[in-house]
Amino acid sequence: MIRYALHCDRKHAFESWFQSSSAYDSQVKRKLVTCPICGSAKVDKAIMAPRIVGKKGRATPPPEPATTAAPEAAPSGPTSLMMAQEKELRTKLKELRDHIVKNADNVGERFANEARAMHYGDKEHRPIYGEASPDEAKSLIDEGIEVSPLPILPEDRN
């Protein structure tokens, strides 16, 4: 996984995680990466310091990316803005998960095999979801098969 510091054309700074640099490029090209503040799909990578591992194996965290502009209409304070953004993000993630569950077939533990069969033309393409170990998911990505984890929110685990 790669964490990128990003900014939109309105200079809002944010960050996001991607499976690989090619996954980032693919998602930006398809306009799937948007600013959480203004919704702009014109997003670029910001300059970011690497994470350096010291002698004792502990990572030294990189400095936080500099915020280039404040949100235009911030509510009463940064805490309320974060809560509003977090609530909106959680709502969107739940909607995305619900859409996938409603419109795709759950193939369970056969996910990796089904995805490969469709990728290589042995089966007809259809939306699927299921279970895969981290090693299986990495193997699929290495083969050029696009996969993403279903979003799970903390309240789903209660």
C-alpha atoms as a PDB file:
ATOM      1  CA  MET A   1       0.000   0.000   0.000  1.00  0.00           C
ATOM      2  CA  ILE A   2       1.158   3.517  -0.791  1.00  0.00           C
ATOM      3  CA  ARG A   3      -0.015   6.680   0.954  1.00  0.00           C
ATOM      4  CA  TYR A   4       0.016   9.777  -1.219  1.00  0.00           C
ATOM      5  CA  ALA A   5      -0.323  13.376  -0.122  1.00  0.00           C
ATOM      6  CA  LEU A   6      -2.701  14.913  -2.673  1.00  0.00           C
ATOM      7  CA  HIS A   7      -4.134  18.310  -3.534  1.00  0.00           C
ATOM      8  CA  CYS A   8      -6.920  19.451  -5.823  1.00  0.00           C
ATOM      9  CA  ASP A   9      -7.016  22.345  -8.286  1.00  0.00           C
ATOM     10  CA  ARG A  10      -8.468  24.514  -5.470  1.00  0.00           C
ATOM     11  CA  LYS A  11      -5.359  23.759  -3.349  1.00  0.00           C
ATOM     12  CA  HIS A  12      -7.165  21.631  -0.742  1.00  0.00           C
ATOM     13  CA  ALA A  13      -4.647  19.190   0.786  1.00  0.00           C
ATOM     14  CA  PHE A  14      -5.595  15.612   1.727  1.00  0.00           C
ATOM     15  CA  GLU A  15      -4.121  12.140   1.573  1.00  0.00           C
ATOM     16  CA  SER A  16      -5.226   8.711   0.423  1.00  0.00           C
ATOM     17  CA  TRP A  17      -3.986   5.107   0.235  1.00  0.00           C
ATOM     18  CA  PHE A  18      -3.565   3.099  -2.984  1.00  0.00           C
ATOM     19  CA  GLN A  19      -2.552  -0.500  -3.761  1.00  0.00           C
ATOM     20  CA  SER A  20       0.251   0.730  -6.024  1.00  0.00           C
ATOM     21  CA  SER A  21       1.337   3.736  -8.056  1.00  0.00           C
ATOM     22  CA  SER A  22      -0.343   2.218 -11.121  1.00  0.00           C
ATOM     23  CA  ALA A  23      -3.598   1.865  -9.151  1.00  0.00           C
ATOM     24  CA  TYR A  24      -3.380   5.589  -8.319  1.00  0.00           C
ATOM     25  CA  ASP A  25      -2.754   6.460 -11.988  1.00  0.00           C
ATOM     26  CA  SER A  26      -5.662   4.279 -13.129  1.00  0.00           C
ATOM     27  CA  GLN A  27      -8.088   5.754 -10.580  1.00  0.00           C
ATOM     28  CA  VAL A  28      -7.095   9.353 -11.381  1.00  0.00           C
ATOM     29  CA  LYS A  29      -7.500   8.684 -15.105  1.00  0.00           C
ATOM     30  CA  ARG A  30     -11.026   7.329 -14.461  1.00  0.00           C
ATOM     31  CA  LYS A  31     -11.779  10.364 -12.207  1.00  0.00           C
ATOM     32  CA  LEU A  32     -12.340   8.130  -9.155  1.00  0.00           C
ATOM     33  CA  VAL A  33     -10.035  10.196  -6.936  1.00  0.00           C
ATOM     34  CA  THR A  34     -11.825  13.331  -5.756  1.00  0.00           C
ATOM     35  CA  CYS A  35     -11.183  16.020  -3.178  1.00  0.00           C
ATOM     36  CA  PRO A  36     -13.105  15.265   0.037  1.00  0.00           C
ATOM     37  CA  ILE A  37     -13.586  18.993   0.636  1.00  0.00           C
ATOM     38  CA  CYS A  38     -14.876  20.292  -2.701  1.00  0.00           C
ATOM     39  CA  GLY A  39     -15.390  17.135  -4.777  1.00  0.00           C
ATOM     40  CA  SER A  40     -13.018  18.198  -7.572  1.00  0.00           C
ATOM     41  CA  ALA A  41     -11.613  15.324  -9.670  1.00  0.00           C
ATOM     42  CA  LYS A  42      -8.637  17.475 -10.757  1.00  0.00           C
ATOM     43  CA  VAL A  43      -6.211  15.926  -8.265  1.00  0.00           C
ATOM     44  CA  ASP A  44      -2.401  15.802  -8.246  1.00  0.00           C
ATOM     45  CA  LYS A  45       0.205  14.267  -5.968  1.00  0.00           C
ATOM     46  CA  ALA A  46       1.859  16.694  -3.566  1.00  0.00           C
ATOM     47  CA  ILE A  47       5.515  16.534  -2.604  1.00  0.00           C
ATOM     48  CA  MET A  48       5.889  14.023   0.209  1.00  0.00           C
ATOM     49  CA  ALA A  49       8.772  12.944   2.440  1.00  0.00           C
ATOM     50  CA  PRO A  50       9.484   9.190   2.556  1.00  0.00           C
ATOM     51  CA  ARG A  51       9.117   7.121   5.713  1.00  0.00           C
ATOM     52  CA  ILE A  52      12.598   6.135   6.896  1.00  0.00           C
ATOM     53  CA  VAL A  53      13.237   3.058   9.050  1.00  0.00           C
ATOM     54  CA  GLY A  54      15.882   3.602  11.744  1.00  0.00           C
ATOM     55  CA  LYS A  55      18.390   1.144  13.233  1.00  0.00           C
ATOM     56  CA  LYS A  56      15.921  -0.301  15.728  1.00  0.00           C
ATOM     57  CA  GLY A  57      13.346  -0.995  13.003  1.00  0.00           C
ATOM     58  CA  ARG A  58      11.033   1.825  14.057  1.00  0.00           C
ATOM     59  CA  ALA A  59       9.761   4.041  11.303  1.00  0.00           C
ATOM     60  CA  THR A  60      10.307   7.754  11.563  1.00  0.00           C
ATOM     61  CA  PRO A  61       7.044   9.368  10.474  1.00  0.00           C
ATOM     62  CA  PRO A  62       7.320  11.853   7.612  1.00  0.00           C
ATOM     63  CA  PRO A  63       6.375  15.453   8.296  1.00  0.00           C
ATOM     64  CA  GLU A  64       2.728  16.223   7.743  1.00  0.00           C
ATOM     65  CA  PRO A  65       1.956  17.686   4.306  1.00  0.00           C
ATOM     66  CA  ALA A  66       1.561  21.446   4.374  1.00  0.00           C
ATOM     67  CA  THR A  67      -1.951  22.693   3.916  1.00  0.00           C
ATOM     68  CA  THR A  68      -1.903  25.246   1.144  1.00  0.00           C
ATOM     69  CA  ALA A  69      -5.368  26.664   1.632  1.00  0.00           C
ATOM     70  CA  ALA A  70      -8.046  26.583   4.280  1.00  0.00           C
ATOM     71  CA  PRO A  71     -11.550  25.419   3.402  1.00  0.00           C
ATOM     72  CA  GLU A  72     -13.702  28.272   2.140  1.00  0.00           C
ATOM     73  CA  ALA A  73     -16.601  27.994   4.564  1.00  0.00           C
ATOM     74  CA  ALA A  74     -15.319  26.203   7.636  1.00  0.00           C
ATOM     75  CA  PRO A  75     -17.942  25.485  10.277  1.00  0.00           C
ATOM     76  CA  SER A  76     -17.348  26.508  13.892  1.00  0.00           C
ATOM     77  CA  GLY A  77     -13.914  24.877  14.073  1.00  0.00           C
ATOM     78  CA  PRO A  78     -11.635  22.161  12.730  1.00  0.00           C
ATOM     79  CA  THR A  79     -13.261  19.483  14.882  1.00  0.00           C
ATOM     80  CA  SER A  80     -16.718  20.074  13.457  1.00  0.00           C
ATOM     81  CA  LEU A  81     -15.326  20.167   9.916  1.00  0.00           C
ATOM     82  CA  MET A  82     -13.562  16.839  10.455  1.00  0.00           C
ATOM     83  CA  MET A  83     -16.670  15.309  11.965  1.00  0.00           C
ATOM     84  CA  ALA A  84     -18.758  16.491   9.002  1.00  0.00           C
ATOM     85  CA  GLN A  85     -16.211  15.160   6.494  1.00  0.00           C
ATOM     86  CA  GLU A  86     -15.893  11.866   8.360  1.00  0.00           C
ATOM     87  CA  LYS A  87     -19.669  11.476   8.496  1.00  0.00           C
ATOM     88  CA  GLU A  88     -19.954  12.197   4.765  1.00  0.00           C
ATOM     89  CA  LEU A  89     -17.147   9.749   3.969  1.00  0.00           C
ATOM     90  CA  ARG A  90     -18.707   7.020   6.114  1.00  0.00           C
ATOM     91  CA  THR A  91     -22.059   7.580   4.385  1.00  0.00           C
ATOM     92  CA  LYS A  92     -20.466   7.312   0.941  1.00  0.00           C
ATOM     93  CA  LEU A  93     -18.519   4.174   1.931  1.00  0.00           C
ATOM     94  CA  LYS A  94     -21.711   2.559   3.237  1.00  0.00           C
ATOM     95  CA  GLU A  95     -23.559   3.475   0.035  1.00  0.00           C
ATOM     96  CA  LEU A  96     -20.722   2.013  -2.050  1.00  0.00           C
ATOM     97  CA  ARG A  97     -20.677  -1.234  -0.066  1.00  0.00           C
ATOM     98  CA  ASP A  98     -24.480  -1.527  -0.177  1.00  0.00           C
ATOM     99  CA  HIS A  99     -24.454  -0.948  -3.948  1.00  0.00           C
ATOM    100  CA  ILE A 100     -21.837  -3.672  -4.478  1.00  0.00           C
ATOM    101  CA  VAL A 101     -23.636  -6.173  -2.243  1.00  0.00           C
ATOM    102  CA  LYS A 102     -26.945  -5.452  -4.018  1.00  0.00           C
ATOM    103  CA  ASN A 103     -25.576  -5.577  -7.588  1.00  0.00           C
ATOM    104  CA  ALA A 104     -22.802  -8.196  -7.475  1.00  0.00           C
ATOM    105  CA  ASP A 105     -22.614 -11.930  -6.831  1.00  0.00           C
ATOM    106  CA  ASN A 106     -21.023 -13.085  -3.574  1.00  0.00           C
ATOM    107  CA  VAL A 107     -18.652 -15.886  -4.618  1.00  0.00           C
ATOM    108  CA  GLY A 108     -17.202 -16.265  -1.116  1.00  0.00           C
ATOM    109  CA  GLU A 109     -13.862 -18.041  -0.895  1.00  0.00           C
ATOM    110  CA  ARG A 110     -13.874 -18.693  -4.673  1.00  0.00           C
ATOM    111  CA  PHE A 111     -13.215 -14.971  -5.307  1.00  0.00           C
ATOM    112  CA  ALA A 112      -9.610 -15.318  -6.556  1.00  0.00           C
ATOM    113  CA  ASN A 113     -10.480 -18.222  -8.884  1.00  0.00           C
ATOM    114  CA  GLU A 114     -13.580 -16.487 -10.249  1.00  0.00           C
ATOM    115  CA  ALA A 115     -11.715 -13.209 -10.827  1.00  0.00           C
ATOM    116  CA  ARG A 116      -8.930 -15.033 -12.693  1.00  0.00           C
ATOM    117  CA  ALA A 117     -11.394 -17.012 -14.816  1.00  0.00           C
ATOM    118  CA  MET A 118     -13.133 -13.795 -15.895  1.00  0.00           C
ATOM    119  CA  HIS A 119      -9.838 -11.961 -16.463  1.00  0.00           C
ATOM    120  CA  TYR A 120      -8.491 -14.699 -18.725  1.00  0.00           C
ATOM    121  CA  GLY A 121     -11.782 -15.128 -20.619  1.00  0.00           C
ATOM    122  CA  ASP A 122     -12.750 -18.544 -19.208  1.00  0.00           C
ATOM    123  CA  LYS A 123     -15.959 -17.098 -17.751  1.00  0.00           C
ATOM    124  CA  GLU A 124     -18.235 -14.235 -18.715  1.00  0.00           C
ATOM    125  CA  HIS A 125     -17.513 -10.957 -16.908  1.00  0.00           C
ATOM    126  CA  ARG A 126     -19.917 -10.042 -14.134  1.00  0.00           C
ATOM    127  CA  PRO A 127     -19.668  -8.040 -10.923  1.00  0.00           C
ATOM    128  CA  ILE A 128     -18.497 -10.233  -8.037  1.00  0.00           C
ATOM    129  CA  TYR A 129     -17.285  -9.892  -4.476  1.00  0.00           C
ATOM    130  CA  GLY A 130     -16.007 -12.389  -1.970  1.00  0.00           C
ATOM    131  CA  GLU A 131     -13.091 -13.297   0.241  1.00  0.00           C
ATOM    132  CA  ALA A 132      -9.380 -13.383  -0.560  1.00  0.00           C
ATOM    133  CA  SER A 133      -6.327 -13.574   1.646  1.00  0.00           C
ATOM    134  CA  PRO A 134      -3.792 -10.733   1.429  1.00  0.00           C
ATOM    135  CA  ASP A 135      -1.475 -13.047  -0.544  1.00  0.00           C
ATOM    136  CA  GLU A 136      -4.260 -13.952  -2.996  1.00  0.00           C
ATOM    137  CA  ALA A 137      -5.159 -10.278  -3.457  1.00  0.00           C
ATOM    138  CA  LYS A 138      -1.509  -9.357  -4.093  1.00  0.00           C
ATOM    139  CA  SER A 139      -1.196 -12.193  -6.601  1.00  0.00           C
ATOM    140  CA  LEU A 140      -4.306 -10.975  -8.455  1.00  0.00           C
ATOM    141  CA  ILE A 141      -2.922  -7.433  -8.589  1.00  0.00           C
ATOM    142  CA  ASP A 142       0.460  -8.724  -9.812  1.00  0.00           C
ATOM    143  CA  GLU A 143      -1.398 -10.471 -12.660  1.00  0.00           C
ATOM    144  CA  GLY A 144      -3.036  -7.183 -13.644  1.00  0.00           C
ATOM    145  CA  ILE A 145      -6.455  -8.053 -12.234  1.00  0.00           C
ATOM    146  CA  GLU A 146      -8.025  -4.996 -10.596  1.00  0.00           C
ATOM    147  CA  VAL A 147      -9.391  -5.788  -7.146  1.00  0.00           C
ATOM    148  CA  SER A 148     -10.349  -3.612  -4.201  1.00  0.00           C
ATOM    149  CA  PRO A 149     -11.436  -4.440  -0.671  1.00  0.00           C
ATOM    150  CA  LEU A 150     -15.048  -3.820   0.273  1.00  0.00           C
ATOM    151  CA  PRO A 151     -15.220  -0.900   2.692  1.00  0.00           C
ATOM    152  CA  ILE A 152     -15.941  -2.023   6.247  1.00  0.00           C
ATOM    153  CA  LEU A 153     -16.878   0.573   8.828  1.00  0.00           C
ATOM    154  CA  PRO A 154     -16.223   0.218  12.574  1.00  0.00           C
ATOM    155  CA  GLU A 155     -19.930  -0.091  13.367  1.00  0.00           C
ATOM    156  CA  ASP A 156     -20.131  -3.121  11.023  1.00  0.00           C
ATOM    157  CA  ARG A 157     -17.914  -5.074  13.420  1.00  0.00           C
ATOM    158  CA  ASN A 158     -20.169  -4.548  16.457  1.00  0.00           C
END
